[in-house]
PDB file of N, CA and C in Angstrom:
ATOM      1  N   MET A   1      10.964 -59.828 -26.234  1.00  0.00           N
ATOM      2  CA  MET A   1      11.991 -59.169 -26.578  1.00  0.00           C
ATOM      3  C   MET A   1      13.199 -59.242 -26.692  1.00  0.00           C
ATOM      4  N   GLN A   2      13.840 -59.426 -27.777  1.00  0.00           N
ATOM      5  CA  GLN A   2      15.339 -60.096 -27.836  1.00  0.00           C
ATOM      6  C   GLN A   2      16.017 -58.668 -27.717  1.00  0.00           C
ATOM      7  N   SER A   3      17.430 -58.903 -26.830  1.00  0.00           N
ATOM      8  CA  SER A   3      17.968 -57.673 -26.730  1.00  0.00           C
ATOM      9  C   SER A   3      19.600 -57.947 -26.477  1.00  0.00           C
ATOM     10  N   ASN A   4      20.448 -57.418 -27.097  1.00  0.00           N
ATOM     11  CA  ASN A   4      21.665 -57.357 -27.044  1.00  0.00           C
ATOM     12  C   ASN A   4      22.697 -56.479 -25.447  1.00  0.00           C
ATOM     13  N   THR A   5      22.075 -57.507 -24.290  1.00  0.00           N
ATOM     14  CA  THR A   5      22.139 -56.804 -22.747  1.00  0.00           C
ATOM     15  C   THR A   5      23.766 -56.340 -22.782  1.00  0.00           C
ATOM     16  N   HIS A   6      24.779 -57.010 -23.314  1.00  0.00           N
ATOM     17  CA  HIS A   6      26.245 -56.124 -23.410  1.00  0.00           C
ATOM     18  C   HIS A   6      26.314 -55.032 -23.731  1.00  0.00           C
ATOM     19  N   GLY A   7      25.638 -54.812 -25.009  1.00  0.00           N
ATOM     20  CA  GLY A   7      25.739 -53.584 -26.030  1.00  0.00           C
ATOM     21  C   GLY A   7      24.895 -52.656 -25.132  1.00  0.00           C
ATOM     22  N   ILE A   8      23.913 -52.800 -24.628  1.00  0.00           N
ATOM     23  CA  ILE A   8      22.809 -52.179 -23.893  1.00  0.00           C
ATOM     24  C   ILE A   8      23.405 -51.446 -22.738  1.00  0.00           C
ATOM     25  N   ASP A   9      24.249 -52.235 -21.667  1.00  0.00           N
ATOM     26  CA  ASP A   9      24.820 -51.785 -20.949  1.00  0.00           C
ATOM     27  C   ASP A   9      26.139 -51.214 -20.901  1.00  0.00           C
ATOM     28  N   TYR A  10      26.958 -51.188 -22.455  1.00  0.00           N
ATOM     29  CA  TYR A  10      28.001 -50.393 -22.563  1.00  0.00           C
ATOM     30  C   TYR A  10      27.546 -48.867 -23.066  1.00  0.00           C
ATOM     31  N   VAL A  11      26.380 -48.769 -23.696  1.00  0.00           N
ATOM     32  CA  VAL A  11      25.611 -47.813 -24.156  1.00  0.00           C
ATOM     33  C   VAL A  11      25.053 -46.833 -22.915  1.00  0.00           C
ATOM     34  N   LEU A  12      24.440 -47.380 -22.110  1.00  0.00           N
ATOM     35  CA  LEU A  12      23.840 -46.558 -20.641  1.00  0.00           C
ATOM     36  C   LEU A  12      25.161 -46.360 -20.174  1.00  0.00           C
ATOM     37  N   GLY A  13      26.211 -47.090 -19.666  1.00  0.00           N
ATOM     38  CA  GLY A  13      27.532 -46.764 -19.155  1.00  0.00           C
ATOM     39  C   GLY A  13      27.763 -45.340 -19.831  1.00  0.00           C
ATOM     40  N   GLU A  14      28.069 -45.288 -21.108  1.00  0.00           N
ATOM     41  CA  GLU A  14      28.529 -44.222 -21.659  1.00  0.00           C
ATOM     42  C   GLU A  14      27.835 -42.947 -21.407  1.00  0.00           C
ATOM     43  N   PHE A  15      26.478 -42.972 -21.519  1.00  0.00           N
ATOM     44  CA  PHE A  15      25.439 -41.997 -21.403  1.00  0.00           C
ATOM     45  C   PHE A  15      25.483 -41.519 -20.118  1.00  0.00           C
ATOM     46  N   VAL A  16      25.745 -42.516 -18.758  1.00  0.00           N
ATOM     47  CA  VAL A  16      25.467 -41.983 -18.020  1.00  0.00           C
ATOM     48  C   VAL A  16      27.216 -40.940 -17.255  1.00  0.00           C
ATOM     49  N   LYS A  17      28.215 -41.931 -17.896  1.00  0.00           N
ATOM     50  CA  LYS A  17      29.463 -41.196 -17.591  1.00  0.00           C
ATOM     51  C   LYS A  17      29.785 -39.920 -18.356  1.00  0.00           C
ATOM     52  N   SER A  18      28.629 -39.513 -19.414  1.00  0.00           N
ATOM     53  CA  SER A  18      28.888 -38.220 -19.909  1.00  0.00           C
ATOM     54  C   SER A  18      28.179 -37.090 -19.499  1.00  0.00           C
ATOM     55  N   THR A  19      27.353 -37.288 -18.594  1.00  0.00           N
ATOM     56  CA  THR A  19      26.285 -36.423 -17.842  1.00  0.00           C
ATOM     57  C   THR A  19      26.538 -36.650 -16.156  1.00  0.00           C
ATOM     58  N   SER A  20      27.452 -35.736 -15.910  1.00  0.00           N
ATOM     59  CA  SER A  20      27.516 -36.142 -14.146  1.00  0.00           C
ATOM     60  C   SER A  20      26.136 -35.755 -13.472  1.00  0.00           C
ATOM     61  N   SER A  21      25.193 -35.356 -13.937  1.00  0.00           N
ATOM     62  CA  SER A  21      24.036 -35.273 -12.767  1.00  0.00           C
ATOM     63  C   SER A  21      23.012 -36.297 -13.146  1.00  0.00           C
ATOM     64  N   ILE A  22      23.324 -37.280 -13.986  1.00  0.00           N
ATOM     65  CA  ILE A  22      22.555 -38.348 -14.092  1.00  0.00           C
ATOM     66  C   ILE A  22      22.488 -39.246 -12.549  1.00  0.00           C
ATOM     67  N   GLN A  23      21.621 -39.607 -12.016  1.00  0.00           N
ATOM     68  CA  GLN A  23      21.235 -40.501 -11.080  1.00  0.00           C
ATOM     69  C   GLN A  23      20.954 -41.763 -11.502  1.00  0.00           C
ATOM     70  N   ALA A  24      20.480 -42.313 -12.271  1.00  0.00           N
ATOM     71  CA  ALA A  24      19.804 -43.366 -12.835  1.00  0.00           C
ATOM     72  C   ALA A  24      19.467 -43.419 -14.708  1.00  0.00           C
ATOM     73  N   ALA A  25      19.769 -44.366 -15.016  1.00  0.00           N
ATOM     74  CA  ALA A  25      19.829 -44.704 -16.249  1.00  0.00           C
ATOM     75  C   ALA A  25      19.248 -46.107 -16.277  1.00  0.00           C
ATOM     76  N   ALA A  26      18.117 -46.368 -17.128  1.00  0.00           N
ATOM     77  CA  ALA A  26      17.479 -47.478 -17.463  1.00  0.00           C
ATOM     78  C   ALA A  26      16.538 -47.769 -18.543  1.00  0.00           C
ATOM     79  N   VAL A  27      16.787 -48.847 -19.134  1.00  0.00           N
ATOM     80  CA  VAL A  27      15.947 -49.432 -20.410  1.00  0.00           C
ATOM     81  C   VAL A  27      14.989 -50.423 -19.651  1.00  0.00           C
ATOM     82  N   MET A  28      14.084 -50.326 -20.818  1.00  0.00           N
ATOM     83  CA  MET A  28      12.797 -51.299 -19.849  1.00  0.00           C
ATOM     84  C   MET A  28      12.178 -51.206 -21.060  1.00  0.00           C
ATOM     85  N   SER A  29      11.096 -52.417 -20.886  1.00  0.00           N
ATOM     86  CA  SER A  29      10.296 -52.711 -22.079  1.00  0.00           C
ATOM     87  C   SER A  29       8.951 -51.505 -21.120  1.00  0.00           C
ATOM     88  N   ARG A  30       8.046 -51.212 -22.285  1.00  0.00           N
ATOM     89  CA  ARG A  30       7.144 -50.476 -22.172  1.00  0.00           C
ATOM     90  C   ARG A  30       5.759 -50.796 -21.264  1.00  0.00           C
ATOM     91  N   ASP A  31       5.906 -52.150 -20.846  1.00  0.00           N
ATOM     92  CA  ASP A  31       4.908 -52.383 -19.906  1.00  0.00           C
ATOM     93  C   ASP A  31       6.039 -52.784 -18.313  1.00  0.00           C
ATOM     94  N   GLY A  32       7.401 -52.339 -18.349  1.00  0.00           N
ATOM     95  CA  GLY A  32       7.926 -52.127 -17.135  1.00  0.00           C
ATOM     96  C   GLY A  32       8.929 -52.908 -17.032  1.00  0.00           C
ATOM     97  N   LEU A  33       9.107 -54.070 -17.792  1.00  0.00           N
ATOM     98  CA  LEU A  33      10.174 -55.282 -17.637  1.00  0.00           C
ATOM     99  C   LEU A  33      12.042 -54.478 -18.122  1.00  0.00           C
ATOM    100  N   LEU A  34      12.362 -54.659 -16.876  1.00  0.00           N
ATOM    101  CA  LEU A  34      13.530 -54.165 -16.828  1.00  0.00           C
ATOM    102  C   LEU A  34      14.685 -54.973 -18.020  1.00  0.00           C
ATOM    103  N   ILE A  35      15.279 -54.128 -18.754  1.00  0.00           N
ATOM    104  CA  ILE A  35      15.931 -54.788 -19.438  1.00  0.00           C
ATOM    105  C   ILE A  35      17.585 -54.538 -19.022  1.00  0.00           C
ATOM    106  N   ALA A  36      18.366 -53.289 -18.810  1.00  0.00           N
ATOM    107  CA  ALA A  36      19.451 -52.844 -18.311  1.00  0.00           C
ATOM    108  C   ALA A  36      19.513 -51.871 -17.539  1.00  0.00           C
ATOM    109  N   SER A  37      20.348 -51.015 -16.668  1.00  0.00           N
ATOM    110  CA  SER A  37      20.192 -49.992 -15.811  1.00  0.00           C
ATOM    111  C   SER A  37      21.385 -49.918 -15.318  1.00  0.00           C
ATOM    112  N   LYS A  38      21.512 -48.412 -14.861  1.00  0.00           N
ATOM    113  CA  LYS A  38      23.215 -47.953 -14.454  1.00  0.00           C
ATOM    114  C   LYS A  38      22.739 -47.057 -13.392  1.00  0.00           C
ATOM    115  N   LEU A  39      22.610 -47.303 -11.734  1.00  0.00           N
ATOM    116  CA  LEU A  39      21.732 -46.534 -11.126  1.00  0.00           C
ATOM    117  C   LEU A  39      22.979 -46.062  -9.831  1.00  0.00           C
ATOM    118  N   HIS A  40      22.616 -44.798  -9.402  1.00  0.00           N
ATOM    119  CA  HIS A  40      22.741 -44.817  -7.951  1.00  0.00           C
ATOM    120  C   HIS A  40      22.237 -45.666  -6.993  1.00  0.00           C
ATOM    121  N   LYS A  41      23.122 -46.087  -5.818  1.00  0.00           N
ATOM    122  CA  LYS A  41      22.436 -46.350  -4.980  1.00  0.00           C
ATOM    123  C   LYS A  41      21.123 -46.027  -4.284  1.00  0.00           C
ATOM    124  N   SER A  42      20.563 -44.928  -4.399  1.00  0.00           N
ATOM    125  CA  SER A  42      19.315 -44.534  -4.211  1.00  0.00           C
ATOM    126  C   SER A  42      18.299 -44.686  -4.811  1.00  0.00           C
ATOM    127  N   VAL A  43      18.332 -45.741  -6.250  1.00  0.00           N
ATOM    128  CA  VAL A  43      17.187 -45.654  -7.076  1.00  0.00           C
ATOM    129  C   VAL A  43      17.395 -46.712  -7.301  1.00  0.00           C
ATOM    130  N   ASP A  44      16.053 -47.573  -7.021  1.00  0.00           N
ATOM    131  CA  ASP A  44      15.678 -49.154  -7.181  1.00  0.00           C
ATOM    132  C   ASP A  44      14.911 -49.499  -8.348  1.00  0.00           C
ATOM    133  N   ALA A  45      15.858 -50.122  -9.293  1.00  0.00           N
ATOM    134  CA  ALA A  45      15.721 -50.360 -10.819  1.00  0.00           C
ATOM    135  C   ALA A  45      14.129 -50.834 -11.098  1.00  0.00           C
ATOM    136  N   GLU A  46      14.105 -51.990 -10.100  1.00  0.00           N
ATOM    137  CA  GLU A  46      12.628 -52.289 -10.385  1.00  0.00           C
ATOM    138  C   GLU A  46      11.044 -51.483 -10.257  1.00  0.00           C
ATOM    139  N   ARG A  47      11.484 -50.369  -9.300  1.00  0.00           N
ATOM    140  CA  ARG A  47      10.404 -48.992  -8.567  1.00  0.00           C
ATOM    141  C   ARG A  47      10.529 -48.484  -9.732  1.00  0.00           C
ATOM    142  N   LEU A  48      11.639 -48.221 -10.138  1.00  0.00           N
ATOM    143  CA  LEU A  48      11.858 -47.145 -11.623  1.00  0.00           C
ATOM    144  C   LEU A  48      11.079 -47.859 -12.929  1.00  0.00           C
ATOM    145  N   SER A  49      11.348 -49.191 -12.794  1.00  0.00           N
ATOM    146  CA  SER A  49      10.898 -49.576 -14.091  1.00  0.00           C
ATOM    147  C   SER A  49       9.302 -49.740 -14.028  1.00  0.00           C
ATOM    148  N   ALA A  50       8.564 -49.940 -12.821  1.00  0.00           N
ATOM    149  CA  ALA A  50       7.156 -50.371 -12.654  1.00  0.00           C
ATOM    150  C   ALA A  50       6.792 -48.631 -12.729  1.00  0.00           C
ATOM    151  N   LEU A  51       7.162 -47.610 -11.754  1.00  0.00           N
ATOM    152  CA  LEU A  51       6.902 -45.919 -12.000  1.00  0.00           C
ATOM    153  C   LEU A  51       6.899 -45.754 -13.354  1.00  0.00           C
ATOM    154  N   SER A  52       7.730 -46.172 -14.267  1.00  0.00           N
ATOM    155  CA  SER A  52       7.843 -45.369 -15.874  1.00  0.00           C
ATOM    156  C   SER A  52       6.830 -45.744 -16.696  1.00  0.00           C
ATOM    157  N   ALA A  53       6.854 -47.194 -16.328  1.00  0.00           N
ATOM    158  CA  ALA A  53       5.510 -47.833 -17.030  1.00  0.00           C
ATOM    159  C   ALA A  53       4.031 -47.357 -16.891  1.00  0.00           C
ATOM    160  N   SER A  54       3.849 -47.068 -15.388  1.00  0.00           N
ATOM    161  CA  SER A  54       2.582 -46.650 -15.018  1.00  0.00           C
ATOM    162  C   SER A  54       2.219 -45.250 -15.887  1.00  0.00           C
ATOM    163  N   ILE A  55       3.435 -44.045 -15.769  1.00  0.00           N
ATOM    164  CA  ILE A  55       3.462 -43.115 -16.174  1.00  0.00           C
ATOM    165  C   ILE A  55       3.346 -43.288 -17.524  1.00  0.00           C
ATOM    166  N   LEU A  56       4.406 -43.836 -18.503  1.00  0.00           N
ATOM    167  CA  LEU A  56       3.817 -43.831 -19.884  1.00  0.00           C
ATOM    168  C   LEU A  56       2.772 -44.095 -20.187  1.00  0.00           C
ATOM    169  N   SER A  57       1.985 -44.978 -19.740  1.00  0.00           N
ATOM    170  CA  SER A  57       0.342 -45.398 -19.802  1.00  0.00           C
ATOM    171  C   SER A  57      -0.497 -44.462 -19.906  1.00  0.00           C
ATOM    172  N   LEU A  58      -0.082 -43.673 -19.066  1.00  0.00           N
ATOM    173  CA  LEU A  58      -1.092 -42.824 -18.726  1.00  0.00           C
ATOM    174  C   LEU A  58      -0.594 -41.550 -19.780  1.00  0.00           C
ATOM    175  N   ALA A  59       0.637 -41.450 -20.098  1.00  0.00           N
ATOM    176  CA  ALA A  59       0.947 -40.262 -21.126  1.00  0.00           C
ATOM    177  C   ALA A  59       0.579 -40.371 -22.678  1.00  0.00           C
ATOM    178  N   ASN A  60       0.843 -41.961 -22.717  1.00  0.00           N
ATOM    179  CA  ASN A  60       0.357 -42.326 -24.262  1.00  0.00           C
ATOM    180  C   ASN A  60      -1.157 -41.937 -24.194  1.00  0.00           C
ATOM    181  N   ARG A  61      -2.008 -42.365 -22.664  1.00  0.00           N
ATOM    182  CA  ARG A  61      -3.230 -42.315 -22.944  1.00  0.00           C
ATOM    183  C   ARG A  61      -3.794 -40.644 -23.250  1.00  0.00           C
ATOM    184  N   ALA A  62      -2.954 -39.721 -22.974  1.00  0.00           N
ATOM    185  CA  ALA A  62      -3.748 -38.421 -22.866  1.00  0.00           C
ATOM    186  C   ALA A  62      -3.259 -38.329 -24.128  1.00  0.00           C
ATOM    187  N   SER A  63      -2.179 -38.305 -24.873  1.00  0.00           N
ATOM    188  CA  SER A  63      -1.748 -38.041 -26.199  1.00  0.00           C
ATOM    189  C   SER A  63      -2.494 -38.388 -26.761  1.00  0.00           C
ATOM    190  N   LYS A  64      -2.941 -39.565 -27.145  1.00  0.00           N
ATOM    191  CA  LYS A  64      -4.104 -40.335 -27.939  1.00  0.00           C
ATOM    192  C   LYS A  64      -5.251 -39.349 -27.821  1.00  0.00           C
ATOM    193  N   ASP A  65      -6.283 -39.426 -26.686  1.00  0.00           N
ATOM    194  CA  ASP A  65      -7.289 -39.159 -26.390  1.00  0.00           C
ATOM    195  C   ASP A  65      -7.258 -37.527 -26.774  1.00  0.00           C
ATOM    196  N   LEU A  66      -6.350 -36.665 -26.946  1.00  0.00           N
ATOM    197  CA  LEU A  66      -6.142 -35.191 -26.912  1.00  0.00           C
ATOM    198  C   LEU A  66      -5.548 -34.782 -28.801  1.00  0.00           C
ATOM    199  N   HIS A  67      -5.739 -36.223 -29.112  1.00  0.00           N
ATOM    200  CA  HIS A  67      -5.335 -36.230 -30.532  1.00  0.00           C
ATOM    201  C   HIS A  67      -4.164 -35.835 -31.087  1.00  0.00           C
ATOM    202  N   GLN A  68      -3.063 -35.616 -29.922  1.00  0.00           N
ATOM    203  CA  GLN A  68      -1.546 -35.407 -30.385  1.00  0.00           C
ATOM    204  C   GLN A  68      -0.430 -36.632 -30.744  1.00  0.00           C
ATOM    205  N   GLY A  69      -1.019 -37.314 -31.743  1.00  0.00           N
ATOM    206  CA  GLY A  69      -0.145 -38.497 -32.194  1.00  0.00           C
ATOM    207  C   GLY A  69       0.706 -39.161 -31.256  1.00  0.00           C
ATOM    208  N   ASN A  70       1.443 -39.931 -31.663  1.00  0.00           N
ATOM    209  CA  ASN A  70       2.320 -41.029 -30.802  1.00  0.00           C
ATOM    210  C   ASN A  70       3.119 -40.113 -30.255  1.00  0.00           C
ATOM    211  N   LEU A  71       3.131 -40.917 -28.582  1.00  0.00           N
ATOM    212  CA  LEU A  71       4.010 -40.327 -27.307  1.00  0.00           C
ATOM    213  C   LEU A  71       5.571 -40.406 -27.505  1.00  0.00           C
ATOM    214  N   GLU A  72       6.279 -39.448 -27.859  1.00  0.00           N
ATOM    215  CA  GLU A  72       7.608 -39.935 -28.143  1.00  0.00           C
ATOM    216  C   GLU A  72       8.648 -39.430 -26.700  1.00  0.00           C
ATOM    217  N   GLN A  73       8.274 -38.574 -25.806  1.00  0.00           N
ATOM    218  CA  GLN A  73       8.657 -38.457 -24.411  1.00  0.00           C
ATOM    219  C   GLN A  73       7.906 -38.148 -23.391  1.00  0.00           C
ATOM    220  N   VAL A  74       8.532 -38.375 -22.420  1.00  0.00           N
ATOM    221  CA  VAL A  74       7.891 -37.734 -21.030  1.00  0.00           C
ATOM    222  C   VAL A  74       8.886 -37.142 -20.520  1.00  0.00           C
ATOM    223  N   LEU A  75       8.402 -35.860 -19.716  1.00  0.00           N
ATOM    224  CA  LEU A  75       9.483 -35.120 -19.027  1.00  0.00           C
ATOM    225  C   LEU A  75       8.525 -34.790 -17.458  1.00  0.00           C
ATOM    226  N   ILE A  76       9.210 -35.215 -16.485  1.00  0.00           N
ATOM    227  CA  ILE A  76       8.574 -34.874 -15.042  1.00  0.00           C
ATOM    228  C   ILE A  76       9.622 -33.850 -14.654  1.00  0.00           C
ATOM    229  N   ASP A  77       9.932 -32.412 -14.188  1.00  0.00           N
ATOM    230  CA  ASP A  77      10.523 -31.396 -13.742  1.00  0.00           C
ATOM    231  C   ASP A  77       9.787 -31.216 -12.405  1.00  0.00           C
ATOM    232  N   SER A  78      10.941 -31.623 -11.283  1.00  0.00           N
ATOM    233  CA  SER A  78      10.359 -31.866  -9.913  1.00  0.00           C
ATOM    234  C   SER A  78      11.252 -30.678  -9.219  1.00  0.00           C
ATOM    235  N   SER A  79      11.200 -30.380  -7.713  1.00  0.00           N
ATOM    236  CA  SER A  79      12.258 -29.844  -6.981  1.00  0.00           C
ATOM    237  C   SER A  79      13.552 -29.946  -6.977  1.00  0.00           C
ATOM    238  N   ASP A  80      13.719 -31.637  -6.759  1.00  0.00           N
ATOM    239  CA  ASP A  80      14.769 -32.300  -6.651  1.00  0.00           C
ATOM    240  C   ASP A  80      15.362 -32.872  -7.850  1.00  0.00           C
ATOM    241  N   GLY A  81      15.086 -32.858  -9.206  1.00  0.00           N
ATOM    242  CA  GLY A  81      15.174 -32.966 -10.267  1.00  0.00           C
ATOM    243  C   GLY A  81      14.026 -33.168 -11.498  1.00  0.00           C
ATOM    244  N   PHE A  82      15.006 -34.191 -12.221  1.00  0.00           N
ATOM    245  CA  PHE A  82      14.149 -34.302 -13.308  1.00  0.00           C
ATOM    246  C   PHE A  82      13.879 -35.866 -13.695  1.00  0.00           C
ATOM    247  N   VAL A  83      13.173 -36.171 -14.146  1.00  0.00           N
ATOM    248  CA  VAL A  83      12.698 -37.484 -14.763  1.00  0.00           C
ATOM    249  C   VAL A  83      12.059 -37.665 -15.876  1.00  0.00           C
ATOM    250  N   LEU A  84      13.277 -38.450 -16.843  1.00  0.00           N
ATOM    251  CA  LEU A  84      12.879 -38.193 -18.670  1.00  0.00           C
ATOM    252  C   LEU A  84      12.451 -39.386 -18.864  1.00  0.00           C
ATOM    253  N   MET A  85      11.610 -39.614 -20.066  1.00  0.00           N
ATOM    254  CA  MET A  85      11.336 -41.237 -20.452  1.00  0.00           C
ATOM    255  C   MET A  85      11.149 -40.742 -22.107  1.00  0.00           C
ATOM    256  N   VAL A  86      12.203 -41.467 -22.597  1.00  0.00           N
ATOM    257  CA  VAL A  86      12.667 -41.283 -24.229  1.00  0.00           C
ATOM    258  C   VAL A  86      12.008 -42.514 -24.914  1.00  0.00           C
ATOM    259  N   LYS A  87      11.361 -42.901 -25.901  1.00  0.00           N
ATOM    260  CA  LYS A  87      10.946 -44.103 -26.758  1.00  0.00           C
ATOM    261  C   LYS A  87      12.114 -44.161 -27.389  1.00  0.00           C
ATOM    262  N   VAL A  88      12.624 -45.729 -27.256  1.00  0.00           N
ATOM    263  CA  VAL A  88      13.668 -46.194 -28.210  1.00  0.00           C
ATOM    264  C   VAL A  88      13.548 -46.707 -29.383  1.00  0.00           C
ATOM    265  N   GLY A  89      12.452 -47.313 -29.071  1.00  0.00           N
ATOM    266  CA  GLY A  89      11.960 -48.223 -30.147  1.00  0.00           C
ATOM    267  C   GLY A  89      11.777 -49.763 -30.043  1.00  0.00           C
ATOM    268  N   GLY A  90      11.159 -50.639 -31.106  1.00  0.00           N
ATOM    269  CA  GLY A  90      11.022 -51.780 -30.135  1.00  0.00           C
ATOM    270  C   GLY A  90      10.498 -52.160 -28.976  1.00  0.00           C
ATOM    271  N   GLY A  91       9.691 -51.228 -28.593  1.00  0.00           N
ATOM    272  CA  GLY A  91       8.418 -51.647 -27.690  1.00  0.00           C
ATOM    273  C   GLY A  91       9.930 -51.130 -26.373  1.00  0.00           C
ATOM    274  N   ALA A  92      10.667 -50.373 -26.425  1.00  0.00           N
ATOM    275  CA  ALA A  92      11.149 -50.051 -25.551  1.00  0.00           C
ATOM    276  C   ALA A  92      11.126 -48.817 -25.048  1.00  0.00           C
ATOM    277  N   VAL A  93      11.864 -48.320 -23.722  1.00  0.00           N
ATOM    278  CA  VAL A  93      11.938 -47.077 -23.155  1.00  0.00           C
ATOM    279  C   VAL A  93      13.404 -46.759 -22.730  1.00  0.00           C
ATOM    280  N   LEU A  94      13.907 -45.503 -22.398  1.00  0.00           N
ATOM    281  CA  LEU A  94      15.000 -44.794 -21.767  1.00  0.00           C
ATOM    282  C   LEU A  94      14.361 -44.138 -20.750  1.00  0.00           C
ATOM    283  N   SER A  95      14.747 -44.584 -19.583  1.00  0.00           N
ATOM    284  CA  SER A  95      14.254 -43.724 -18.139  1.00  0.00           C
ATOM    285  C   SER A  95      15.658 -43.202 -17.804  1.00  0.00           C
ATOM    286  N   VAL A  96      15.459 -41.599 -17.577  1.00  0.00           N
ATOM    287  CA  VAL A  96      16.504 -41.165 -16.896  1.00  0.00           C
ATOM    288  C   VAL A  96      16.160 -40.447 -15.820  1.00  0.00           C
ATOM    289  N   VAL A  97      16.791 -40.287 -14.526  1.00  0.00           N
ATOM    290  CA  VAL A  97      16.594 -39.331 -13.600  1.00  0.00           C
ATOM    291  C   VAL A  97      18.006 -38.823 -13.338  1.00  0.00           C
ATOM    292  N   SER A  98      17.568 -37.558 -13.177  1.00  0.00           N
ATOM    293  CA  SER A  98      18.727 -36.564 -12.604  1.00  0.00           C
ATOM    294  C   SER A  98      18.659 -35.482 -11.740  1.00  0.00           C
ATOM    295  N   LYS A  99      19.355 -35.062 -11.347  1.00  0.00           N
ATOM    296  CA  LYS A  99      19.608 -33.687 -10.163  1.00  0.00           C
ATOM    297  C   LYS A  99      18.986 -32.667 -11.163  1.00  0.00           C
ATOM    298  N   PRO A 100      18.536 -31.739  -9.833  1.00  0.00           N
ATOM    299  CA  PRO A 100      17.830 -30.348 -10.252  1.00  0.00           C
ATOM    300  C   PRO A 100      18.668 -29.875 -11.465  1.00  0.00           C
ATOM    301  N   ASN A 101      20.499 -29.580 -10.952  1.00  0.00           N
ATOM    302  CA  ASN A 101      21.416 -28.823 -11.872  1.00  0.00           C
ATOM    303  C   ASN A 101      21.635 -29.591 -13.429  1.00  0.00           C
ATOM    304  N   SER A 102      20.793 -30.228 -13.916  1.00  0.00           N
ATOM    305  CA  SER A 102      20.784 -30.396 -15.040  1.00  0.00           C
ATOM    306  C   SER A 102      21.027 -29.775 -15.632  1.00  0.00           C
ATOM    307  N   MET A 103      21.570 -29.284 -17.230  1.00  0.00           N
ATOM    308  CA  MET A 103      21.318 -28.948 -17.906  1.00  0.00           C
ATOM    309  C   MET A 103      20.198 -29.608 -19.044  1.00  0.00           C
ATOM    310  N   LEU A 104      19.073 -29.034 -18.907  1.00  0.00           N
ATOM    311  CA  LEU A 104      17.889 -29.863 -19.407  1.00  0.00           C
ATOM    312  C   LEU A 104      18.138 -30.050 -20.969  1.00  0.00           C
ATOM    313  N   GLY A 105      18.639 -29.009 -21.978  1.00  0.00           N
ATOM    314  CA  GLY A 105      18.382 -29.290 -23.379  1.00  0.00           C
ATOM    315  C   GLY A 105      19.872 -30.175 -23.535  1.00  0.00           C
ATOM    316  N   MET A 106      20.714 -30.117 -22.881  1.00  0.00           N
ATOM    317  CA  MET A 106      22.085 -31.189 -23.052  1.00  0.00           C
ATOM    318  C   MET A 106      21.926 -32.196 -22.560  1.00  0.00           C
ATOM    319  N   LEU A 107      20.829 -32.633 -21.647  1.00  0.00           N
ATOM    320  CA  LEU A 107      20.157 -33.756 -21.280  1.00  0.00           C
ATOM    321  C   LEU A 107      19.579 -34.624 -22.317  1.00  0.00           C
ATOM    322  N   LEU A 108      18.181 -33.804 -22.718  1.00  0.00           N
ATOM    323  CA  LEU A 108      17.653 -34.067 -23.560  1.00  0.00           C
ATOM    324  C   LEU A 108      18.492 -34.771 -24.844  1.00  0.00           C
ATOM    325  N   HIS A 109      19.226 -34.096 -25.576  1.00  0.00           N
ATOM    326  CA  HIS A 109      20.166 -34.092 -26.657  1.00  0.00           C
ATOM    327  C   HIS A 109      20.415 -35.462 -26.299  1.00  0.00           C
ATOM    328  N   ASP A 110      21.423 -35.829 -25.396  1.00  0.00           N
ATOM    329  CA  ASP A 110      22.141 -37.261 -24.944  1.00  0.00           C
ATOM    330  C   ASP A 110      20.814 -38.074 -24.639  1.00  0.00           C
ATOM    331  N   ALA A 111      20.150 -37.635 -24.169  1.00  0.00           N
ATOM    332  CA  ALA A 111      19.398 -39.127 -24.274  1.00  0.00           C
ATOM    333  C   ALA A 111      18.582 -39.707 -25.628  1.00  0.00           C
ATOM    334  N   LYS A 112      18.220 -38.840 -26.285  1.00  0.00           N
ATOM    335  CA  LYS A 112      17.587 -38.645 -27.687  1.00  0.00           C
ATOM    336  C   LYS A 112      18.816 -39.874 -28.324  1.00  0.00           C
ATOM    337  N   LYS A 113      20.117 -39.398 -28.497  1.00  0.00           N
ATOM    338  CA  LYS A 113      20.968 -39.491 -29.052  1.00  0.00           C
ATOM    339  C   LYS A 113      21.158 -41.052 -28.587  1.00  0.00           C
ATOM    340  N   SER A 114      21.336 -41.082 -27.030  1.00  0.00           N
ATOM    341  CA  SER A 114      21.812 -42.507 -26.853  1.00  0.00           C
ATOM    342  C   SER A 114      20.419 -43.626 -27.065  1.00  0.00           C
ATOM    343  N   ALA A 115      19.221 -42.965 -27.199  1.00  0.00           N
ATOM    344  CA  ALA A 115      18.118 -43.971 -27.631  1.00  0.00           C
ATOM    345  C   ALA A 115      18.068 -44.416 -29.359  1.00  0.00           C
ATOM    346  N   ARG A 116      18.727 -43.757 -29.868  1.00  0.00           N
ATOM    347  CA  ARG A 116      18.964 -43.891 -31.119  1.00  0.00           C
ATOM    348  C   ARG A 116      19.647 -45.232 -31.261  1.00  0.00           C
ATOM    349  N   THR A 117      21.193 -45.032 -30.567  1.00  0.00           N
ATOM    350  CA  THR A 117      21.792 -46.426 -30.441  1.00  0.00           C
ATOM    351  C   THR A 117      21.450 -47.480 -29.575  1.00  0.00           C
ATOM    352  N   LEU A 118      20.326 -47.219 -28.649  1.00  0.00           N
ATOM    353  CA  LEU A 118      19.777 -48.601 -28.056  1.00  0.00           C
ATOM    354  C   LEU A 118      18.657 -48.956 -28.994  1.00  0.00           C
ATOM    355  N   ALA A 119      18.189 -48.048 -29.916  1.00  0.00           N
ATOM    356  CA  ALA A 119      17.322 -48.908 -30.894  1.00  0.00           C
ATOM    357  C   ALA A 119      17.782 -49.809 -31.477  1.00  0.00           C
ATOM    358  N   GLU A 120      18.779 -49.757 -32.001  1.00  0.00           N
ATOM    359  CA  GLU A 120      19.548 -50.976 -32.698  1.00  0.00           C
ATOM    360  C   GLU A 120      19.524 -52.038 -32.063  1.00  0.00           C
ATOM    361  N   LEU A 121      19.788 -51.947 -30.490  1.00  0.00           N
ATOM    362  CA  LEU A 121      20.418 -53.035 -29.683  1.00  0.00           C
ATOM    363  C   LEU A 121      18.976 -53.959 -29.088  1.00  0.00           C
ATOM    364  N   VAL A 122      18.085 -53.271 -28.937  1.00  0.00           N
ATOM    365  CA  VAL A 122      16.739 -53.933 -28.433  1.00  0.00           C
ATOM    366  C   VAL A 122      16.008 -54.400 -29.597  1.00  0.00           C
TER     367      VAL A 122
END
């Protein structure tokens, strides 16, 4: 996967700055290869990539097996926050970890907007 790492870093940085509740944002291939990340020190980039790849694989299989078409996003809503994975394109995914006080609609909107920009760079 050929990518513009500097451009991806810039887009991730702007995305993280725009939403104070984000603890981590990473772009990775669907098989878990980390491309770029902006992380709080409590989040391990390689672990986030590996977990995201596993979750995406299972979610994609469920979507296909249940005849729901192509997977576009995955949202995990937990007591301590959210994990959001959005398809970027070119085989890449934007994974976002946020605090529980996130405005989910705004987070999803901003993540999809960033994913469209990132699609031009991966």
